[in-house]
């Protein structure tokens, strides 16, 4: 099983989309500054999580969520609390 996740930085109003096998561990990596692309925008919180059957399906879903259509989907379907 693989997870596709969307995390959000309330402080900077930014999203990040990624894949993980262990979501708890991966979120800790983001919030401890171990991920170069998210380090400057801490703290992060999970706003969307999907469990997929394998990495291949997860990669396809990640690619979609990072596309223009996926950004529109995120805007319309993920509540950030802002």
PDB file of N, CA and C in Angstrom:
ATOM      1  N   UNK A   1       0.837  -1.186   0.000  1.00  0.00           N
ATOM      2  CA  UNK A   1       0.000   0.000   0.000  1.00  0.00           C
ATOM      3  C   UNK A   1       0.881   1.249   0.000  1.00  0.00           C
ATOM      4  N   UNK A   2       0.436   2.237  -0.735  1.00  0.00           N
ATOM      5  CA  UNK A   2       1.097   3.535  -0.767  1.00  0.00           C
ATOM      6  C   UNK A   2       0.066   4.615  -0.497  1.00  0.00           C
ATOM      7  N   UNK A   3       0.532   5.704   0.030  1.00  0.00           N
ATOM      8  CA  UNK A   3      -0.339   6.835   0.307  1.00  0.00           C
ATOM      9  C   UNK A   3       0.034   8.005  -0.586  1.00  0.00           C
ATOM     10  N   UNK A   4      -0.964   8.708  -1.048  1.00  0.00           N
ATOM     11  CA  UNK A   4      -0.765   9.999  -1.695  1.00  0.00           C
ATOM     12  C   UNK A   4      -1.294  10.999  -0.684  1.00  0.00           C
ATOM     13  N   UNK A   5      -0.542  12.037  -0.444  1.00  0.00           N
ATOM     14  CA  UNK A   5      -0.956  12.985   0.578  1.00  0.00           C
ATOM     15  C   UNK A   5      -0.817  14.417   0.086  1.00  0.00           C
ATOM     16  N   UNK A   6      -1.615  15.272   0.699  1.00  0.00           N
ATOM     17  CA  UNK A   6      -1.512  16.706   0.479  1.00  0.00           C
ATOM     18  C   UNK A   6      -1.334  17.311   1.864  1.00  0.00           C
ATOM     19  N   UNK A   7      -0.249  18.053   2.019  1.00  0.00           N
ATOM     20  CA  UNK A   7      -0.028  18.756   3.274  1.00  0.00           C
ATOM     21  C   UNK A   7      -0.135  20.247   3.003  1.00  0.00           C
ATOM     22  N   UNK A   8      -0.400  20.998   4.060  1.00  0.00           N
ATOM     23  CA  UNK A   8      -0.649  22.426   3.916  1.00  0.00           C
ATOM     24  C   UNK A   8       0.083  23.183   5.012  1.00  0.00           C
ATOM     25  N   UNK A   9       0.669  24.307   4.631  1.00  0.00           N
ATOM     26  CA  UNK A   9       1.314  25.201   5.585  1.00  0.00           C
ATOM     27  C   UNK A   9       0.378  26.383   5.822  1.00  0.00           C
ATOM     28  N   UNK A  10      -0.208  26.446   7.010  1.00  0.00           N
ATOM     29  CA  UNK A  10      -1.112  27.552   7.341  1.00  0.00           C
ATOM     30  C   UNK A  10      -0.373  28.885   7.323  1.00  0.00           C
ATOM     31  N   UNK A  11       0.835  28.878   7.789  1.00  0.00           N
ATOM     32  CA  UNK A  11       1.633  30.105   7.895  1.00  0.00           C
ATOM     33  C   UNK A  11       1.932  30.720   6.528  1.00  0.00           C
ATOM     34  N   UNK A  12       2.199  29.869   5.535  1.00  0.00           N
ATOM     35  CA  UNK A  12       2.588  30.348   4.209  1.00  0.00           C
ATOM     36  C   UNK A  12       1.538  30.105   3.129  1.00  0.00           C
ATOM     37  N   UNK A  13       0.406  29.480   3.481  1.00  0.00           N
ATOM     38  CA  UNK A  13      -0.695  29.212   2.542  1.00  0.00           C
ATOM     39  C   UNK A  13      -0.216  28.419   1.323  1.00  0.00           C
ATOM     40  N   UNK A  14       0.556  27.364   1.596  1.00  0.00           N
ATOM     41  CA  UNK A  14       1.124  26.541   0.524  1.00  0.00           C
ATOM     42  C   UNK A  14       0.726  25.083   0.683  1.00  0.00           C
ATOM     43  N   UNK A  15       0.562  24.425  -0.462  1.00  0.00           N
ATOM     44  CA  UNK A  15       0.295  22.990  -0.505  1.00  0.00           C
ATOM     45  C   UNK A  15       1.550  22.258  -0.962  1.00  0.00           C
ATOM     46  N   UNK A  16       1.638  20.989  -0.573  1.00  0.00           N
ATOM     47  CA  UNK A  16       2.670  20.101  -1.084  1.00  0.00           C
ATOM     48  C   UNK A  16       2.018  18.738  -1.276  1.00  0.00           C
ATOM     49  N   UNK A  17       2.270  18.123  -2.417  1.00  0.00           N
ATOM     50  CA  UNK A  17       1.711  16.809  -2.744  1.00  0.00           C
ATOM     51  C   UNK A  17       2.856  15.806  -2.785  1.00  0.00           C
ATOM     52  N   UNK A  18       2.659  14.652  -2.163  1.00  0.00           N
ATOM     53  CA  UNK A  18       3.706  13.646  -2.164  1.00  0.00           C
ATOM     54  C   UNK A  18       3.172  12.240  -1.988  1.00  0.00           C
ATOM     55  N   UNK A  19       4.108  11.278  -1.991  1.00  0.00           N
ATOM     56  CA  UNK A  19       3.809   9.856  -1.840  1.00  0.00           C
ATOM     57  C   UNK A  19       4.595   9.333  -0.642  1.00  0.00           C
ATOM     58  N   UNK A  20       3.973   8.413   0.096  1.00  0.00           N
ATOM     59  CA  UNK A  20       4.660   7.814   1.244  1.00  0.00           C
ATOM     60  C   UNK A  20       4.152   6.401   1.480  1.00  0.00           C
ATOM     61  N   UNK A  21       5.009   5.584   2.070  1.00  0.00           N
ATOM     62  CA  UNK A  21       4.598   4.265   2.532  1.00  0.00           C
ATOM     63  C   UNK A  21       4.167   4.355   3.996  1.00  0.00           C
ATOM     64  N   UNK A  22       4.815   5.244   4.747  1.00  0.00           N
ATOM     65  CA  UNK A  22       4.507   5.457   6.159  1.00  0.00           C
ATOM     66  C   UNK A  22       4.217   6.944   6.343  1.00  0.00           C
ATOM     67  N   UNK A  23       2.958   7.296   6.422  1.00  0.00           N
ATOM     68  CA  UNK A  23       2.564   8.704   6.452  1.00  0.00           C
ATOM     69  C   UNK A  23       3.030   9.418   7.712  1.00  0.00           C
ATOM     70  N   UNK A  24       2.949   8.771   8.835  1.00  0.00           N
ATOM     71  CA  UNK A  24       3.363   9.396  10.094  1.00  0.00           C
ATOM     72  C   UNK A  24       4.839   9.794  10.050  1.00  0.00           C
ATOM     73  N   UNK A  25       5.660   8.878   9.591  1.00  0.00           N
ATOM     74  CA  UNK A  25       7.093   9.130   9.480  1.00  0.00           C
ATOM     75  C   UNK A  25       7.384  10.239   8.460  1.00  0.00           C
ATOM     76  N   UNK A  26       6.665  10.209   7.350  1.00  0.00           N
ATOM     77  CA  UNK A  26       6.892  11.195   6.295  1.00  0.00           C
ATOM     78  C   UNK A  26       6.527  12.599   6.762  1.00  0.00           C
ATOM     79  N   UNK A  27       5.429  12.742   7.498  1.00  0.00           N
ATOM     80  CA  UNK A  27       5.037  14.053   8.010  1.00  0.00           C
ATOM     81  C   UNK A  27       6.086  14.585   8.981  1.00  0.00           C
ATOM     82  N   UNK A  28       6.639  13.696   9.801  1.00  0.00           N
ATOM     83  CA  UNK A  28       7.708  14.113  10.717  1.00  0.00           C
ATOM     84  C   UNK A  28       8.907  14.639   9.942  1.00  0.00           C
ATOM     85  N   UNK A  29       9.249  13.983   8.841  1.00  0.00           N
ATOM     86  CA  UNK A  29      10.365  14.455   8.004  1.00  0.00           C
ATOM     87  C   UNK A  29      10.105  15.874   7.507  1.00  0.00           C
ATOM     88  N   UNK A  30       8.881  16.126   7.069  1.00  0.00           N
ATOM     89  CA  UNK A  30       8.537  17.469   6.590  1.00  0.00           C
ATOM     90  C   UNK A  30       8.630  18.490   7.722  1.00  0.00           C
ATOM     91  N   UNK A  31       8.135  18.145   8.891  1.00  0.00           N
ATOM     92  CA  UNK A  31       8.084  19.095   9.995  1.00  0.00           C
ATOM     93  C   UNK A  31       9.391  19.236  10.772  1.00  0.00           C
ATOM     94  N   UNK A  32      10.339  18.343  10.564  1.00  0.00           N
ATOM     95  CA  UNK A  32      11.654  18.473  11.180  1.00  0.00           C
ATOM     96  C   UNK A  32      12.671  19.087  10.224  1.00  0.00           C
ATOM     97  N   UNK A  33      12.214  19.516   9.040  1.00  0.00           N
ATOM     98  CA  UNK A  33      13.094  20.196   8.103  1.00  0.00           C
ATOM     99  C   UNK A  33      14.012  19.285   7.319  1.00  0.00           C
ATOM    100  N   UNK A  34      13.648  18.016   7.177  1.00  0.00           N
ATOM    101  CA  UNK A  34      14.500  17.065   6.473  1.00  0.00           C
ATOM    102  C   UNK A  34      14.204  16.977   4.980  1.00  0.00           C
ATOM    103  N   UNK A  35      13.188  17.688   4.513  1.00  0.00           N
ATOM    104  CA  UNK A  35      12.825  17.682   3.098  1.00  0.00           C
ATOM    105  C   UNK A  35      13.136  19.072   2.539  1.00  0.00           C
ATOM    106  N   UNK A  36      14.072  19.131   1.616  1.00  0.00           N
ATOM    107  CA  UNK A  36      14.569  20.404   1.102  1.00  0.00           C
ATOM    108  C   UNK A  36      13.451  21.314   0.573  1.00  0.00           C
ATOM    109  N   UNK A  37      12.513  20.747  -0.171  1.00  0.00           N
ATOM    110  CA  UNK A  37      11.489  21.572  -0.814  1.00  0.00           C
ATOM    111  C   UNK A  37      10.414  22.079   0.151  1.00  0.00           C
ATOM    112  N   UNK A  38      10.322  21.527   1.353  1.00  0.00           N
ATOM    113  CA  UNK A  38       9.304  21.981   2.298  1.00  0.00           C
ATOM    114  C   UNK A  38       9.898  22.628   3.546  1.00  0.00           C
ATOM    115  N   UNK A  39      11.191  22.581   3.672  1.00  0.00           N
ATOM    116  CA  UNK A  39      11.889  23.047   4.866  1.00  0.00           C
ATOM    117  C   UNK A  39      11.552  24.490   5.250  1.00  0.00           C
ATOM    118  N   UNK A  40      11.459  25.367   4.271  1.00  0.00           N
ATOM    119  CA  UNK A  40      11.253  26.799   4.530  1.00  0.00           C
ATOM    120  C   UNK A  40       9.820  27.155   4.895  1.00  0.00           C
ATOM    121  N   UNK A  41       8.912  26.214   4.792  1.00  0.00           N
ATOM    122  CA  UNK A  41       7.493  26.537   4.971  1.00  0.00           C
ATOM    123  C   UNK A  41       6.843  25.792   6.132  1.00  0.00           C
ATOM    124  N   UNK A  42       7.616  25.328   7.087  1.00  0.00           N
ATOM    125  CA  UNK A  42       7.085  24.602   8.229  1.00  0.00           C
ATOM    126  C   UNK A  42       6.259  25.531   9.108  1.00  0.00           C
ATOM    127  N   UNK A  43       5.320  25.020   9.877  1.00  0.00           N
ATOM    128  CA  UNK A  43       4.922  23.621  10.020  1.00  0.00           C
ATOM    129  C   UNK A  43       3.888  23.205   8.978  1.00  0.00           C
ATOM    130  N   UNK A  44       3.754  21.906   8.796  1.00  0.00           N
ATOM    131  CA  UNK A  44       2.827  21.311   7.834  1.00  0.00           C
ATOM    132  C   UNK A  44       1.790  20.469   8.564  1.00  0.00           C
ATOM    133  N   UNK A  45       0.623  20.355   7.947  1.00  0.00           N
ATOM    134  CA  UNK A  45      -0.397  19.439   8.462  1.00  0.00           C
ATOM    135  C   UNK A  45      -1.052  18.737   7.281  1.00  0.00           C
ATOM    136  N   UNK A  46      -1.489  17.515   7.508  1.00  0.00           N
ATOM    137  CA  UNK A  46      -2.135  16.726   6.461  1.00  0.00           C
ATOM    138  C   UNK A  46      -3.562  17.240   6.271  1.00  0.00           C
ATOM    139  N   UNK A  47      -3.905  17.570   5.016  1.00  0.00           N
ATOM    140  CA  UNK A  47      -5.263  18.027   4.710  1.00  0.00           C
ATOM    141  C   UNK A  47      -5.991  17.041   3.800  1.00  0.00           C
ATOM    142  N   UNK A  48      -5.237  16.106   3.210  1.00  0.00           N
ATOM    143  CA  UNK A  48      -5.865  15.099   2.344  1.00  0.00           C
ATOM    144  C   UNK A  48      -4.960  13.880   2.283  1.00  0.00           C
ATOM    145  N   UNK A  49      -5.572  12.695   2.364  1.00  0.00           N
ATOM    146  CA  UNK A  49      -4.817  11.450   2.350  1.00  0.00           C
ATOM    147  C   UNK A  49      -5.617  10.386   1.606  1.00  0.00           C
ATOM    148  N   UNK A  50      -4.951   9.695   0.678  1.00  0.00           N
ATOM    149  CA  UNK A  50      -5.581   8.604  -0.071  1.00  0.00           C
ATOM    150  C   UNK A  50      -4.669   7.385   0.001  1.00  0.00           C
ATOM    151  N   UNK A  51      -5.270   6.216   0.196  1.00  0.00           N
ATOM    152  CA  UNK A  51      -4.515   4.964   0.198  1.00  0.00           C
ATOM    153  C   UNK A  51      -4.707   4.287  -1.155  1.00  0.00           C
ATOM    154  N   UNK A  52      -3.600   3.948  -1.807  1.00  0.00           N
ATOM    155  CA  UNK A  52      -3.650   3.314  -3.119  1.00  0.00           C
ATOM    156  C   UNK A  52      -2.978   1.950  -3.061  1.00  0.00           C
ATOM    157  N   UNK A  53      -3.275   1.111  -4.040  1.00  0.00           N
ATOM    158  CA  UNK A  53      -2.795  -0.273  -4.022  1.00  0.00           C
ATOM    159  C   UNK A  53      -1.294  -0.425  -4.214  1.00  0.00           C
ATOM    160  N   UNK A  54      -0.685   0.449  -5.012  1.00  0.00           N
ATOM    161  CA  UNK A  54       0.743   0.316  -5.272  1.00  0.00           C
ATOM    162  C   UNK A  54       1.346   1.667  -5.653  1.00  0.00           C
ATOM    163  N   UNK A  55       2.667   1.685  -5.777  1.00  0.00           N
ATOM    164  CA  UNK A  55       3.383   2.929  -6.091  1.00  0.00           C
ATOM    165  C   UNK A  55       3.015   3.485  -7.465  1.00  0.00           C
ATOM    166  N   UNK A  56       2.763   2.605  -8.410  1.00  0.00           N
ATOM    167  CA  UNK A  56       2.422   3.051  -9.754  1.00  0.00           C
ATOM    168  C   UNK A  56       1.119   3.862  -9.744  1.00  0.00           C
ATOM    169  N   UNK A  57       0.103   3.356  -9.061  1.00  0.00           N
ATOM    170  CA  UNK A  57      -1.156   4.100  -8.952  1.00  0.00           C
ATOM    171  C   UNK A  57      -0.942   5.419  -8.205  1.00  0.00           C
ATOM    172  N   UNK A  58      -0.108   5.369  -7.179  1.00  0.00           N
ATOM    173  CA  UNK A  58       0.178   6.574  -6.400  1.00  0.00           C
ATOM    174  C   UNK A  58       0.874   7.624  -7.261  1.00  0.00           C
ATOM    175  N   UNK A  59       1.813   7.217  -8.087  1.00  0.00           N
ATOM    176  CA  UNK A  59       2.520   8.157  -8.973  1.00  0.00           C
ATOM    177  C   UNK A  59       1.556   8.830  -9.953  1.00  0.00           C
ATOM    178  N   UNK A  60       0.632   8.047 -10.511  1.00  0.00           N
ATOM    179  CA  UNK A  60      -0.349   8.616 -11.435  1.00  0.00           C
ATOM    180  C   UNK A  60      -1.232   9.644 -10.733  1.00  0.00           C
ATOM    181  N   UNK A  61      -1.671   9.317  -9.519  1.00  0.00           N
ATOM    182  CA  UNK A  61      -2.518  10.245  -8.761  1.00  0.00           C
ATOM    183  C   UNK A  61      -1.735  11.490  -8.367  1.00  0.00           C
ATOM    184  N   UNK A  62      -0.464  11.326  -7.975  1.00  0.00           N
ATOM    185  CA  UNK A  62       0.385  12.461  -7.629  1.00  0.00           C
ATOM    186  C   UNK A  62       0.549  13.383  -8.839  1.00  0.00           C
ATOM    187  N   UNK A  63       0.801  12.783  -9.990  1.00  0.00           N
ATOM    188  CA  UNK A  63       0.973  13.567 -11.216  1.00  0.00           C
ATOM    189  C   UNK A  63      -0.282  14.389 -11.499  1.00  0.00           C
ATOM    190  N   UNK A  64      -1.460  13.764 -11.321  1.00  0.00           N
ATOM    191  CA  UNK A  64      -2.710  14.487 -11.531  1.00  0.00           C
ATOM    192  C   UNK A  64      -2.849  15.649 -10.540  1.00  0.00           C
ATOM    193  N   UNK A  65      -2.606  15.382  -9.261  1.00  0.00           N
ATOM    194  CA  UNK A  65      -2.787  16.421  -8.248  1.00  0.00           C
ATOM    195  C   UNK A  65      -1.826  17.593  -8.413  1.00  0.00           C
ATOM    196  N   UNK A  66      -0.709  17.357  -9.106  1.00  0.00           N
ATOM    197  CA  UNK A  66       0.251  18.429  -9.363  1.00  0.00           C
ATOM    198  C   UNK A  66      -0.033  19.170 -10.670  1.00  0.00           C
ATOM    199  N   UNK A  67      -0.975  18.669 -11.458  1.00  0.00           N
ATOM    200  CA  UNK A  67      -1.327  19.312 -12.735  1.00  0.00           C
ATOM    201  C   UNK A  67      -2.275  20.482 -12.485  1.00  0.00           C
ATOM    202  N   UNK A  68      -2.553  21.249 -13.524  1.00  0.00           N
ATOM    203  CA  UNK A  68      -3.492  22.373 -13.413  1.00  0.00           C
ATOM    204  C   UNK A  68      -4.876  21.880 -12.992  1.00  0.00           C
ATOM    205  N   UNK A  69      -5.320  20.773 -13.577  1.00  0.00           N
ATOM    206  CA  UNK A  69      -6.624  20.212 -13.205  1.00  0.00           C
ATOM    207  C   UNK A  69      -6.611  19.759 -11.745  1.00  0.00           C
ATOM    208  N   UNK A  70      -5.522  19.193 -11.303  1.00  0.00           N
ATOM    209  CA  UNK A  70      -5.394  18.747  -9.918  1.00  0.00           C
ATOM    210  C   UNK A  70      -5.376  19.903  -8.941  1.00  0.00           C
ATOM    211  N   UNK A  71      -4.735  21.000  -9.323  1.00  0.00           N
ATOM    212  CA  UNK A  71      -4.751  22.189  -8.473  1.00  0.00           C
ATOM    213  C   UNK A  71      -6.173  22.732  -8.341  1.00  0.00           C
ATOM    214  N   UNK A  72      -6.928  22.706  -9.437  1.00  0.00           N
ATOM    215  CA  UNK A  72      -8.339  23.126  -9.363  1.00  0.00           C
ATOM    216  C   UNK A  72      -9.120  22.192  -8.454  1.00  0.00           C
ATOM    217  N   UNK A  73      -8.871  20.877  -8.576  1.00  0.00           N
ATOM    218  CA  UNK A  73      -9.543  19.902  -7.720  1.00  0.00           C
ATOM    219  C   UNK A  73      -9.231  20.174  -6.252  1.00  0.00           C
ATOM    220  N   UNK A  74      -7.955  20.427  -5.951  1.00  0.00           N
ATOM    221  CA  UNK A  74      -7.558  20.727  -4.570  1.00  0.00           C
ATOM    222  C   UNK A  74      -8.280  21.965  -4.059  1.00  0.00           C
ATOM    223  N   UNK A  75      -8.336  22.988  -4.895  1.00  0.00           N
ATOM    224  CA  UNK A  75      -8.986  24.248  -4.498  1.00  0.00           C
ATOM    225  C   UNK A  75     -10.469  24.023  -4.176  1.00  0.00           C
ATOM    226  N   UNK A  76     -11.137  23.176  -4.946  1.00  0.00           N
ATOM    227  CA  UNK A  76     -12.570  22.947  -4.776  1.00  0.00           C
ATOM    228  C   UNK A  76     -12.922  21.876  -3.747  1.00  0.00           C
ATOM    229  N   UNK A  77     -11.997  20.992  -3.408  1.00  0.00           N
ATOM    230  CA  UNK A  77     -12.327  19.836  -2.573  1.00  0.00           C
ATOM    231  C   UNK A  77     -11.595  19.715  -1.256  1.00  0.00           C
ATOM    232  N   UNK A  78     -10.555  20.496  -1.060  1.00  0.00           N
ATOM    233  CA  UNK A  78      -9.801  20.392   0.191  1.00  0.00           C
ATOM    234  C   UNK A  78     -10.042  21.652   1.019  1.00  0.00           C
ATOM    235  N   UNK A  79     -10.512  21.449   2.215  1.00  0.00           N
ATOM    236  CA  UNK A  79     -10.786  22.565   3.124  1.00  0.00           C
ATOM    237  C   UNK A  79      -9.561  22.781   4.002  1.00  0.00           C
ATOM    238  N   UNK A  80      -9.011  23.990   3.940  1.00  0.00           N
ATOM    239  CA  UNK A  80      -7.807  24.294   4.714  1.00  0.00           C
ATOM    240  C   UNK A  80      -8.111  25.037   6.010  1.00  0.00           C
ATOM    241  N   UNK A  81      -9.297  25.584   6.118  1.00  0.00           N
ATOM    242  CA  UNK A  81      -9.655  26.322   7.317  1.00  0.00           C
ATOM    243  C   UNK A  81      -9.362  27.810   7.228  1.00  0.00           C
ATOM    244  N   UNK A  82      -8.926  28.260   6.070  1.00  0.00           N
ATOM    245  CA  UNK A  82      -8.644  29.701   5.888  1.00  0.00           C
ATOM    246  C   UNK A  82      -9.921  30.482   5.721  1.00  0.00           C
TER     247      UNK A  82
END
